[in-house]
Amino acid sequence: MFWKKKNGDDPNIDDEEYRTEQAYPAKICPLCSRSYSDDSVFCKYDGQRLTILNIKIPEILEPGEMKCPKCGNTVKAREDGSCPVCGEQLVDVSKLGKKKSVTLFIDHLYPITIDQFPYVFGRKDVARLLSSEYINPSHIEFNFNGSKLMVKDVKSLNGSKVNELIIGMKGKSFGEFEVKNGDTIELGLNGSNKGEIRMRVKINDT
């Protein structure tokens, strides 16, 4: 944040813009439980006054990101497992587990195996089914966060859900959710929130 020197400030400071760090207390919305670490007073989603917490909100890392212990930067390791900023070895690639793949057992269709991530699942994957008209060209995205398989709705029109949890609807994505072995994903939700396309998930080690 930038501030200009005001009348009465230290005369030894040049009359130029200078940077100062502004720390804000951690806050949470009592209605929707969203957390804030900025200067917000009210929740941006439901208008509730935020409650100040006496805890520090941890940094949220994107899938594949980690904190380098040497340089302190949040980075994604190179293919050789090193930090792209300082070269510190972050991951011992020789001890990494087997490559992950996912098999989707789709009702009334042959199974589909995915081994490249992130993978965007859409109409092309179920083109043989008449109900594919309810599926967007890009409907949901699969990705791995460490050993966890994650899925998110890619702002699809007719929505999707994992088991009974709706993860996107009418062009809105509600975030990224973990998918486990045996979970059911439904795409193209009708008026009763039942999916026109149903699939069961199996996570493999290849």
Foldseek 3Di string as FASTA:
>chain_A
DKDADDPPPDPVDDRDIDDDDDWAFWWAFPPPGDIDGDPDQADPPPGGGIDGDPDDDDDDADFQWDADPPPRDIAHADPCQAGPPPRHRHDNVVPDAFQKKKWKAKPPDHIDIGRDPFDFDWLVVVVVDPVSVLTHRGFKTWHDRRPWIKMKGQQGAQFKAKQPGTQHYRRDGNDIDTDDAQIKMAGRQDPVGGHPMIIGMHMDGD
